[in-house]
Amino acid sequence: MATFTSSLPDDLLQQLADYADRIGVAKNKIIEKALRVYLDEMKRAEYAQSYRRASQDVDIMMVAEEGMAEYIRHIDSEDKE
């Protein structure tokens, strides 16, 4: 595991220390969990943004609609068998 050194505002560091003491967890574990949650949320936001961009792209929408039409034909043909 690598070591990382950073500075935080005094008030934020105090809140972190108080919370860590209250729940009995090391400060670095709280920071690690918070960073994982934050990065996961950012990844989700990037996915959402990419889908919003794709929904505005005429070419992508045409490909999606063609694929959906093919899927429906496939489902219909399976139902008839």
N, C-alpha and C. Protein backbone atom coordinates (compact mmCIF):
# COMPACT_ATOMS: atom_id res chain seq x y z
N MET A 1 0.85 -1.17 0.00
CA MET A 1 0.00 0.00 0.00
C MET A 1 0.90 1.23 0.00
N ALA A 2 0.58 2.19 -0.84
CA ALA A 2 1.36 3.43 -0.94
C ALA A 2 0.94 4.42 0.14
N THR A 3 1.85 5.32 0.46
CA THR A 3 1.57 6.38 1.41
C THR A 3 1.30 7.66 0.65
N PHE A 4 0.29 8.40 1.10
CA PHE A 4 -0.09 9.65 0.47
C PHE A 4 -0.16 10.72 1.55
N THR A 5 0.44 11.84 1.29
CA THR A 5 0.43 12.95 2.24
C THR A 5 -0.29 14.12 1.61
N SER A 6 -1.18 14.73 2.38
CA SER A 6 -1.95 15.85 1.86
C SER A 6 -2.27 16.82 2.99
N SER A 7 -2.73 18.00 2.64
CA SER A 7 -3.18 18.96 3.64
C SER A 7 -4.69 19.11 3.53
N LEU A 8 -5.31 19.34 4.64
CA LEU A 8 -6.75 19.59 4.69
C LEU A 8 -6.99 20.84 5.52
N PRO A 9 -8.09 21.53 5.26
CA PRO A 9 -8.41 22.67 6.11
C PRO A 9 -8.56 22.20 7.57
N ASP A 10 -8.15 23.06 8.49
CA ASP A 10 -8.18 22.69 9.91
C ASP A 10 -9.55 22.22 10.37
N ASP A 11 -10.60 22.92 9.94
CA ASP A 11 -11.95 22.55 10.40
C ASP A 11 -12.35 21.17 9.87
N LEU A 12 -11.99 20.86 8.63
CA LEU A 12 -12.33 19.56 8.07
C LEU A 12 -11.55 18.45 8.76
N LEU A 13 -10.29 18.70 9.02
CA LEU A 13 -9.47 17.72 9.73
C LEU A 13 -10.01 17.48 11.14
N GLN A 14 -10.49 18.53 11.78
CA GLN A 14 -11.07 18.38 13.12
C GLN A 14 -12.36 17.56 13.07
N GLN A 15 -13.19 17.82 12.07
CA GLN A 15 -14.42 17.03 11.91
C GLN A 15 -14.08 15.57 11.68
N LEU A 16 -13.08 15.32 10.86
CA LEU A 16 -12.64 13.95 10.60
C LEU A 16 -12.16 13.28 11.88
N ALA A 17 -11.33 13.97 12.64
CA ALA A 17 -10.81 13.42 13.89
C ALA A 17 -11.93 13.14 14.88
N ASP A 18 -12.86 14.07 15.00
CA ASP A 18 -13.99 13.89 15.93
C ASP A 18 -14.84 12.69 15.52
N TYR A 19 -15.11 12.58 14.25
CA TYR A 19 -15.93 11.48 13.76
C TYR A 19 -15.21 10.14 13.94
N ALA A 20 -13.93 10.11 13.61
CA ALA A 20 -13.14 8.89 13.77
C ALA A 20 -13.13 8.44 15.23
N ASP A 21 -12.96 9.38 16.15
CA ASP A 21 -12.98 9.05 17.57
C ASP A 21 -14.35 8.53 17.99
N ARG A 22 -15.39 9.18 17.51
CA ARG A 22 -16.76 8.80 17.89
C ARG A 22 -17.11 7.39 17.44
N ILE A 23 -16.70 7.00 16.24
CA ILE A 23 -17.08 5.67 15.74
C ILE A 23 -15.96 4.64 15.91
N GLY A 24 -14.82 5.08 16.38
CA GLY A 24 -13.72 4.15 16.64
C GLY A 24 -13.08 3.57 15.40
N VAL A 25 -12.95 4.40 14.36
CA VAL A 25 -12.34 3.96 13.11
C VAL A 25 -11.19 4.91 12.79
N ALA A 26 -10.14 4.37 12.22
CA ALA A 26 -8.98 5.19 11.87
C ALA A 26 -9.37 6.22 10.79
N LYS A 27 -8.79 7.39 10.90
CA LYS A 27 -9.08 8.46 9.94
C LYS A 27 -8.80 8.05 8.51
N ASN A 28 -7.70 7.32 8.29
CA ASN A 28 -7.37 6.93 6.92
C ASN A 28 -8.44 5.99 6.34
N LYS A 29 -9.08 5.18 7.18
CA LYS A 29 -10.14 4.29 6.70
C LYS A 29 -11.37 5.09 6.27
N ILE A 30 -11.67 6.14 7.01
CA ILE A 30 -12.80 7.01 6.65
C ILE A 30 -12.50 7.71 5.33
N ILE A 31 -11.29 8.23 5.20
CA ILE A 31 -10.90 8.91 3.96
C ILE A 31 -10.93 7.94 2.80
N GLU A 32 -10.42 6.71 3.00
CA GLU A 32 -10.41 5.71 1.94
C GLU A 32 -11.84 5.40 1.47
N LYS A 33 -12.74 5.17 2.43
CA LYS A 33 -14.13 4.86 2.08
C LYS A 33 -14.78 6.05 1.36
N ALA A 34 -14.57 7.24 1.87
CA ALA A 34 -15.15 8.44 1.26
C ALA A 34 -14.64 8.63 -0.17
N LEU A 35 -13.37 8.38 -0.39
CA LEU A 35 -12.80 8.54 -1.72
C LEU A 35 -13.34 7.49 -2.68
N ARG A 36 -13.50 6.25 -2.20
CA ARG A 36 -14.08 5.21 -3.05
C ARG A 36 -15.52 5.55 -3.45
N VAL A 37 -16.29 6.02 -2.48
CA VAL A 37 -17.68 6.41 -2.77
C VAL A 37 -17.70 7.56 -3.76
N TYR A 38 -16.86 8.56 -3.55
CA TYR A 38 -16.81 9.72 -4.44
C TYR A 38 -16.42 9.31 -5.86
N LEU A 39 -15.37 8.49 -5.99
CA LEU A 39 -14.93 8.09 -7.33
C LEU A 39 -15.98 7.23 -8.03
N ASP A 40 -16.67 6.39 -7.29
CA ASP A 40 -17.75 5.59 -7.87
C ASP A 40 -18.87 6.51 -8.36
N GLU A 41 -19.19 7.51 -7.58
CA GLU A 41 -20.23 8.47 -7.97
C GLU A 41 -19.81 9.25 -9.23
N MET A 42 -18.54 9.61 -9.31
CA MET A 42 -18.05 10.32 -10.50
C MET A 42 -18.13 9.43 -11.74
N LYS A 43 -17.82 8.14 -11.57
CA LYS A 43 -17.90 7.21 -12.69
C LYS A 43 -19.36 7.10 -13.17
N ARG A 44 -20.28 7.02 -12.23
CA ARG A 44 -21.70 6.96 -12.59
C ARG A 44 -22.14 8.23 -13.32
N ALA A 45 -21.66 9.37 -12.85
CA ALA A 45 -22.01 10.64 -13.50
C ALA A 45 -21.45 10.69 -14.92
N GLU A 46 -20.25 10.16 -15.12
CA GLU A 46 -19.66 10.12 -16.47
C GLU A 46 -20.49 9.23 -17.39
N TYR A 47 -20.94 8.06 -16.88
CA TYR A 47 -21.79 7.19 -17.69
C TYR A 47 -23.09 7.90 -18.07
N ALA A 48 -23.70 8.54 -17.09
CA ALA A 48 -24.96 9.25 -17.35
C ALA A 48 -24.75 10.33 -18.40
N GLN A 49 -23.66 11.07 -18.29
CA GLN A 49 -23.36 12.12 -19.25
C GLN A 49 -23.16 11.54 -20.65
N SER A 50 -22.46 10.39 -20.73
CA SER A 50 -22.23 9.79 -22.05
C SER A 50 -23.54 9.35 -22.67
N TYR A 51 -24.47 8.84 -21.87
CA TYR A 51 -25.77 8.45 -22.41
C TYR A 51 -26.58 9.67 -22.85
N ARG A 52 -26.47 10.77 -22.09
CA ARG A 52 -27.16 12.00 -22.51
C ARG A 52 -26.61 12.50 -23.84
N ARG A 53 -25.27 12.45 -23.99
CA ARG A 53 -24.67 12.87 -25.26
C ARG A 53 -25.11 11.95 -26.39
N ALA A 54 -25.13 10.65 -26.13
CA ALA A 54 -25.53 9.68 -27.16
C ALA A 54 -26.97 9.90 -27.57
N SER A 55 -27.82 10.28 -26.63
CA SER A 55 -29.23 10.48 -26.97
C SER A 55 -29.43 11.68 -27.90
N GLN A 56 -28.43 12.55 -27.96
CA GLN A 56 -28.50 13.72 -28.84
C GLN A 56 -27.82 13.47 -30.19
N ASP A 57 -27.17 12.32 -30.34
CA ASP A 57 -26.44 11.99 -31.56
C ASP A 57 -27.36 11.22 -32.50
N VAL A 58 -27.69 11.81 -33.63
CA VAL A 58 -28.63 11.22 -34.58
C VAL A 58 -28.13 9.86 -35.08
N ASP A 59 -26.85 9.75 -35.40
CA ASP A 59 -26.31 8.48 -35.90
C ASP A 59 -26.43 7.37 -34.87
N ILE A 60 -26.11 7.66 -33.64
CA ILE A 60 -26.19 6.65 -32.58
C ILE A 60 -27.65 6.24 -32.37
N MET A 61 -28.55 7.19 -32.39
CA MET A 61 -29.97 6.87 -32.21
C MET A 61 -30.47 6.00 -33.36
N MET A 62 -30.01 6.25 -34.58
CA MET A 62 -30.43 5.42 -35.71
C MET A 62 -29.94 3.99 -35.54
N VAL A 63 -28.69 3.82 -35.12
CA VAL A 63 -28.14 2.49 -34.91
C VAL A 63 -28.93 1.78 -33.80
N ALA A 64 -29.24 2.49 -32.73
CA ALA A 64 -30.00 1.89 -31.63
C ALA A 64 -31.39 1.47 -32.09
N GLU A 65 -32.04 2.33 -32.85
CA GLU A 65 -33.38 2.00 -33.34
C GLU A 65 -33.35 0.81 -34.29
N GLU A 66 -32.36 0.75 -35.16
CA GLU A 66 -32.21 -0.39 -36.07
C GLU A 66 -31.99 -1.68 -35.27
N GLY A 67 -31.16 -1.59 -34.25
CA GLY A 67 -30.91 -2.76 -33.40
C GLY A 67 -32.16 -3.20 -32.67
N MET A 68 -32.95 -2.24 -32.21
CA MET A 68 -34.19 -2.57 -31.51
C MET A 68 -35.19 -3.21 -32.47
N ALA A 69 -35.25 -2.71 -33.69
CA ALA A 69 -36.16 -3.29 -34.68
C ALA A 69 -35.76 -4.74 -34.96
N GLU A 70 -34.47 -5.00 -35.09
CA GLU A 70 -33.99 -6.36 -35.32
C GLU A 70 -34.32 -7.26 -34.13
N TYR A 71 -34.16 -6.73 -32.94
CA TYR A 71 -34.46 -7.50 -31.72
C TYR A 71 -35.95 -7.87 -31.68
N ILE A 72 -36.81 -6.93 -32.01
CA ILE A 72 -38.26 -7.19 -32.01
C ILE A 72 -38.60 -8.25 -33.06
N ARG A 73 -37.98 -8.16 -34.25
CA ARG A 73 -38.21 -9.20 -35.28
C ARG A 73 -37.77 -10.56 -34.75
N HIS A 74 -36.66 -10.60 -34.08
CA HIS A 74 -36.17 -11.86 -33.54
C HIS A 74 -37.15 -12.43 -32.49
N ILE A 75 -37.61 -11.59 -31.61
CA ILE A 75 -38.56 -12.01 -30.58
C ILE A 75 -39.85 -12.52 -31.23
N ASP A 76 -40.35 -11.77 -32.22
CA ASP A 76 -41.57 -12.18 -32.92
C ASP A 76 -41.38 -13.53 -33.59
N SER A 77 -40.22 -13.77 -34.20
CA SER A 77 -40.00 -15.03 -34.89
C SER A 77 -39.90 -16.18 -33.86
N GLU A 78 -39.35 -15.91 -32.69
CA GLU A 78 -39.27 -16.93 -31.63
C GLU A 78 -40.66 -17.27 -31.13
N ASP A 79 -41.54 -16.29 -31.01
CA ASP A 79 -42.90 -16.52 -30.54
C ASP A 79 -43.70 -17.38 -31.51
N LYS A 80 -43.40 -17.28 -32.79
CA LYS A 80 -44.15 -18.01 -33.81
C LYS A 80 -43.72 -19.47 -33.90
N GLU A 81 -42.58 -19.81 -33.35
CA GLU A 81 -42.09 -21.19 -33.45
C GLU A 81 -42.73 -22.08 -32.43
